[in-house]
Amino acid sequence: GFENSTGSDADVVIPALEQLMLRHLSKGAHILDIGCLDGEIVKHLNIRGYQTTGLDVSEQFLHIARKRHLTVNLSFVIYVNSSRHPPMMQFIQKMFSASS
């Protein structure tokens, strides 16, 4: 299953992010990974000096992410899409304003 996979999308995604985006950001910039799945990309960005938060709608993926990255201080957040919760953009704006 996914939990036991050994390949990493980070091996492909991080070099692309370096080329397209990261070179324009200062170290310490806050990066939100929407749809973070197992948290590999969040971890790699954190190791490079960025403040990172992983956001996903799947509690199962966030459980895997937290379990895989116990030794690194990473932040993972669940987003529940329902009438009782704000739309995702409001949720994200509130999350970032609380962290400033």
N, C-alpha and C. Protein backbone atom coordinates (compact mmCIF):
# COMPACT_ATOMS: atom_id res chain seq x y z
N GLY A 1 0.81 -1.19 0.00
CA GLY A 1 0.00 0.00 0.00
C GLY A 1 0.85 1.26 0.00
N PHE A 2 0.19 2.39 -0.03
CA PHE A 2 0.87 3.69 -0.07
C PHE A 2 1.78 3.88 1.12
N GLU A 3 1.35 3.43 2.29
CA GLU A 3 2.12 3.64 3.51
C GLU A 3 3.50 3.00 3.43
N ASN A 4 3.64 1.93 2.66
CA ASN A 4 4.91 1.22 2.57
C ASN A 4 5.69 1.53 1.30
N SER A 5 5.25 2.48 0.50
CA SER A 5 5.97 2.80 -0.73
C SER A 5 7.32 3.42 -0.42
N THR A 6 8.30 3.16 -1.30
CA THR A 6 9.64 3.68 -1.06
C THR A 6 10.00 4.82 -2.00
N GLY A 7 9.31 4.95 -3.12
CA GLY A 7 9.59 6.04 -4.05
C GLY A 7 9.12 7.36 -3.48
N SER A 8 9.73 8.44 -3.96
CA SER A 8 9.36 9.75 -3.42
C SER A 8 9.10 10.73 -4.55
N ASP A 9 7.91 11.32 -4.54
CA ASP A 9 7.62 12.39 -5.50
C ASP A 9 8.53 13.58 -5.27
N ALA A 10 9.05 13.71 -4.06
CA ALA A 10 9.92 14.84 -3.73
C ALA A 10 11.16 14.84 -4.62
N ASP A 11 11.62 13.67 -5.06
CA ASP A 11 12.80 13.59 -5.93
C ASP A 11 12.57 14.31 -7.25
N VAL A 12 11.33 14.38 -7.69
CA VAL A 12 10.98 15.07 -8.93
C VAL A 12 10.50 16.49 -8.64
N VAL A 13 9.67 16.63 -7.61
CA VAL A 13 9.02 17.91 -7.33
C VAL A 13 9.99 18.96 -6.80
N ILE A 14 10.87 18.60 -5.88
CA ILE A 14 11.77 19.59 -5.27
C ILE A 14 12.66 20.27 -6.31
N PRO A 15 13.34 19.54 -7.21
CA PRO A 15 14.13 20.24 -8.24
C PRO A 15 13.28 21.18 -9.10
N ALA A 16 12.05 20.77 -9.42
CA ALA A 16 11.17 21.65 -10.20
C ALA A 16 10.81 22.89 -9.40
N LEU A 17 10.51 22.72 -8.11
CA LEU A 17 10.20 23.87 -7.26
C LEU A 17 11.40 24.80 -7.13
N GLU A 18 12.60 24.23 -7.01
CA GLU A 18 13.82 25.05 -6.93
C GLU A 18 13.93 25.93 -8.17
N GLN A 19 13.72 25.33 -9.32
CA GLN A 19 13.86 26.05 -10.59
C GLN A 19 12.77 27.11 -10.77
N LEU A 20 11.54 26.78 -10.41
CA LEU A 20 10.41 27.66 -10.71
C LEU A 20 10.05 28.65 -9.62
N MET A 21 10.25 28.28 -8.35
CA MET A 21 9.70 29.09 -7.28
C MET A 21 10.68 29.40 -6.14
N LEU A 22 11.35 28.39 -5.62
CA LEU A 22 12.12 28.58 -4.39
C LEU A 22 13.23 29.60 -4.52
N ARG A 23 13.81 29.72 -5.68
CA ARG A 23 14.91 30.69 -5.85
C ARG A 23 14.42 32.13 -5.70
N HIS A 24 13.10 32.33 -5.74
CA HIS A 24 12.52 33.66 -5.58
C HIS A 24 12.06 33.94 -4.15
N LEU A 25 12.16 32.94 -3.27
CA LEU A 25 11.71 33.09 -1.88
C LEU A 25 12.91 33.15 -0.95
N SER A 26 12.77 33.93 0.10
CA SER A 26 13.83 33.96 1.11
C SER A 26 13.66 32.77 2.04
N LYS A 27 14.77 32.32 2.60
CA LYS A 27 14.71 31.25 3.59
C LYS A 27 13.84 31.72 4.74
N GLY A 28 13.06 30.81 5.27
CA GLY A 28 12.15 31.17 6.34
C GLY A 28 10.76 31.53 5.85
N ALA A 29 10.59 31.66 4.52
CA ALA A 29 9.26 31.95 3.98
C ALA A 29 8.32 30.80 4.34
N HIS A 30 7.05 31.12 4.54
CA HIS A 30 6.07 30.09 4.89
C HIS A 30 5.47 29.52 3.60
N ILE A 31 5.55 28.20 3.48
CA ILE A 31 5.01 27.51 2.31
C ILE A 31 3.91 26.56 2.76
N LEU A 32 2.77 26.65 2.12
CA LEU A 32 1.64 25.77 2.39
C LEU A 32 1.54 24.75 1.27
N ASP A 33 1.64 23.48 1.61
CA ASP A 33 1.51 22.40 0.64
C ASP A 33 0.08 21.88 0.71
N ILE A 34 -0.76 22.30 -0.24
CA ILE A 34 -2.16 21.87 -0.27
C ILE A 34 -2.22 20.52 -0.97
N GLY A 35 -2.77 19.54 -0.28
CA GLY A 35 -2.79 18.17 -0.80
C GLY A 35 -1.45 17.50 -0.52
N CYS A 36 -0.99 17.61 0.72
CA CYS A 36 0.37 17.19 1.09
C CYS A 36 0.57 15.68 1.15
N LEU A 37 -0.50 14.91 1.10
CA LEU A 37 -0.41 13.45 1.12
C LEU A 37 0.45 12.96 2.29
N ASP A 38 1.60 12.33 2.00
CA ASP A 38 2.42 11.74 3.06
C ASP A 38 3.43 12.71 3.68
N GLY A 39 3.45 13.96 3.24
CA GLY A 39 4.30 14.97 3.85
C GLY A 39 5.74 15.01 3.39
N GLU A 40 6.11 14.22 2.38
CA GLU A 40 7.50 14.18 1.92
C GLU A 40 7.98 15.54 1.43
N ILE A 41 7.17 16.22 0.65
CA ILE A 41 7.58 17.52 0.11
C ILE A 41 7.66 18.55 1.23
N VAL A 42 6.72 18.50 2.17
CA VAL A 42 6.75 19.39 3.34
C VAL A 42 8.06 19.20 4.09
N LYS A 43 8.45 17.95 4.29
CA LYS A 43 9.70 17.65 5.00
C LYS A 43 10.91 18.21 4.25
N HIS A 44 10.98 17.97 2.95
CA HIS A 44 12.12 18.43 2.17
C HIS A 44 12.22 19.96 2.16
N LEU A 45 11.10 20.64 2.08
CA LEU A 45 11.11 22.11 2.12
C LEU A 45 11.53 22.61 3.50
N ASN A 46 11.08 21.94 4.55
CA ASN A 46 11.44 22.30 5.91
C ASN A 46 12.95 22.15 6.13
N ILE A 47 13.51 21.08 5.63
CA ILE A 47 14.95 20.84 5.75
C ILE A 47 15.74 21.95 5.04
N ARG A 48 15.18 22.51 3.98
CA ARG A 48 15.84 23.60 3.23
C ARG A 48 15.66 24.96 3.89
N GLY A 49 14.98 25.00 5.04
CA GLY A 49 14.90 26.25 5.80
C GLY A 49 13.60 27.03 5.67
N TYR A 50 12.60 26.45 5.04
CA TYR A 50 11.31 27.12 4.91
C TYR A 50 10.38 26.70 6.04
N GLN A 51 9.49 27.61 6.44
CA GLN A 51 8.44 27.25 7.39
C GLN A 51 7.37 26.55 6.56
N THR A 52 7.01 25.36 6.95
CA THR A 52 6.10 24.58 6.12
C THR A 52 4.89 24.10 6.89
N THR A 53 3.78 24.03 6.18
CA THR A 53 2.56 23.44 6.70
C THR A 53 1.97 22.57 5.61
N GLY A 54 1.61 21.36 5.97
CA GLY A 54 0.95 20.45 5.05
C GLY A 54 -0.55 20.45 5.32
N LEU A 55 -1.34 20.60 4.29
CA LEU A 55 -2.80 20.63 4.40
C LEU A 55 -3.38 19.52 3.53
N ASP A 56 -4.28 18.75 4.09
CA ASP A 56 -4.92 17.70 3.31
C ASP A 56 -6.33 17.49 3.81
N VAL A 57 -7.17 16.89 2.97
CA VAL A 57 -8.54 16.58 3.36
C VAL A 57 -8.65 15.15 3.88
N SER A 58 -7.56 14.39 3.78
CA SER A 58 -7.57 12.99 4.18
C SER A 58 -6.89 12.80 5.54
N GLU A 59 -7.67 12.41 6.53
CA GLU A 59 -7.10 12.12 7.84
C GLU A 59 -6.12 10.95 7.75
N GLN A 60 -6.39 10.00 6.84
CA GLN A 60 -5.51 8.84 6.67
C GLN A 60 -4.13 9.29 6.19
N PHE A 61 -4.08 10.16 5.18
CA PHE A 61 -2.78 10.64 4.70
C PHE A 61 -2.05 11.43 5.78
N LEU A 62 -2.78 12.26 6.53
CA LEU A 62 -2.13 13.05 7.58
C LEU A 62 -1.61 12.14 8.69
N HIS A 63 -2.31 11.06 8.98
CA HIS A 63 -1.82 10.09 9.97
C HIS A 63 -0.50 9.48 9.48
N ILE A 64 -0.45 9.11 8.20
CA ILE A 64 0.78 8.56 7.62
C ILE A 64 1.89 9.60 7.67
N ALA A 65 1.58 10.85 7.31
CA ALA A 65 2.59 11.92 7.31
C ALA A 65 3.16 12.12 8.71
N ARG A 66 2.30 12.20 9.70
CA ARG A 66 2.77 12.40 11.08
C ARG A 66 3.61 11.22 11.55
N LYS A 67 3.19 10.02 11.19
CA LYS A 67 3.91 8.80 11.59
C LYS A 67 5.29 8.73 10.92
N ARG A 68 5.36 9.10 9.64
CA ARG A 68 6.63 9.03 8.90
C ARG A 68 7.64 10.08 9.35
N HIS A 69 7.18 11.19 9.86
CA HIS A 69 8.07 12.32 10.12
C HIS A 69 8.08 12.72 11.59
N LEU A 70 8.15 11.73 12.46
CA LEU A 70 8.15 11.99 13.90
C LEU A 70 9.36 12.79 14.36
N THR A 71 10.51 12.60 13.71
CA THR A 71 11.75 13.24 14.16
C THR A 71 11.90 14.67 13.67
N VAL A 72 11.02 15.11 12.78
CA VAL A 72 11.09 16.47 12.25
C VAL A 72 9.86 17.22 12.74
N ASN A 73 10.05 18.46 13.18
CA ASN A 73 8.94 19.26 13.69
C ASN A 73 8.15 19.86 12.53
N LEU A 74 7.15 19.12 12.06
CA LEU A 74 6.35 19.56 10.93
C LEU A 74 4.92 19.79 11.36
N SER A 75 4.24 20.69 10.66
CA SER A 75 2.84 21.00 10.96
C SER A 75 1.95 20.45 9.86
N PHE A 76 0.98 19.63 10.26
CA PHE A 76 0.01 19.08 9.32
C PHE A 76 -1.39 19.44 9.80
N VAL A 77 -2.24 19.88 8.87
CA VAL A 77 -3.58 20.36 9.21
C VAL A 77 -4.60 19.64 8.32
N ILE A 78 -5.70 19.25 8.93
CA ILE A 78 -6.81 18.65 8.17
C ILE A 78 -7.79 19.75 7.78
N TYR A 79 -8.30 19.67 6.57
CA TYR A 79 -9.37 20.58 6.14
C TYR A 79 -10.61 19.75 5.86
N VAL A 80 -11.69 20.08 6.53
CA VAL A 80 -12.95 19.37 6.33
C VAL A 80 -13.88 20.28 5.54
N ASN A 81 -14.28 19.82 4.38
CA ASN A 81 -15.16 20.61 3.52
C ASN A 81 -16.61 20.29 3.88
N SER A 82 -17.25 21.19 4.60
CA SER A 82 -18.65 21.00 4.96
C SER A 82 -19.30 22.36 5.20
N SER A 83 -20.59 22.36 5.35
CA SER A 83 -21.31 23.62 5.57
C SER A 83 -20.96 24.25 6.92
N ARG A 84 -20.40 23.47 7.84
CA ARG A 84 -20.03 24.00 9.16
C ARG A 84 -18.63 24.62 9.17
N HIS A 85 -17.89 24.45 8.11
CA HIS A 85 -16.52 24.97 8.04
C HIS A 85 -16.44 26.03 6.94
N PRO A 86 -15.53 26.98 7.08
CA PRO A 86 -15.40 28.02 6.05
C PRO A 86 -14.84 27.44 4.75
N PRO A 87 -15.09 28.12 3.63
CA PRO A 87 -14.47 27.70 2.38
C PRO A 87 -12.94 27.66 2.54
N MET A 88 -12.29 26.86 1.72
CA MET A 88 -10.85 26.64 1.89
C MET A 88 -10.04 27.93 1.91
N MET A 89 -10.31 28.90 1.03
CA MET A 89 -9.51 30.13 1.02
C MET A 89 -9.65 30.89 2.34
N GLN A 90 -10.84 30.97 2.90
CA GLN A 90 -11.02 31.62 4.21
C GLN A 90 -10.28 30.85 5.29
N PHE A 91 -10.33 29.54 5.21
CA PHE A 91 -9.63 28.68 6.17
C PHE A 91 -8.13 28.95 6.12
N ILE A 92 -7.58 29.02 4.91
CA ILE A 92 -6.14 29.27 4.73
C ILE A 92 -5.77 30.67 5.21
N GLN A 93 -6.57 31.68 4.86
CA GLN A 93 -6.28 33.05 5.31
C GLN A 93 -6.29 33.13 6.83
N LYS A 94 -7.24 32.49 7.46
CA LYS A 94 -7.32 32.49 8.92
C LYS A 94 -6.10 31.78 9.52
N MET A 95 -5.70 30.68 8.90
CA MET A 95 -4.55 29.92 9.38
C MET A 95 -3.28 30.77 9.29
N PHE A 96 -3.07 31.47 8.18
CA PHE A 96 -1.86 32.28 8.02
C PHE A 96 -1.89 33.52 8.91
N SER A 97 -3.05 34.13 9.10
CA SER A 97 -3.11 35.31 9.97
C SER A 97 -2.86 34.93 11.42
N ALA A 98 -3.23 33.72 11.81
CA ALA A 98 -2.98 33.26 13.18
C ALA A 98 -1.50 32.95 13.41
N SER A 99 -0.78 32.61 12.32
CA SER A 99 0.63 32.25 12.49
C SER A 99 1.56 33.45 12.38
N SER A 100 1.05 34.64 12.03
CA SER A 100 1.93 35.80 11.90
C SER A 100 2.15 36.49 13.21
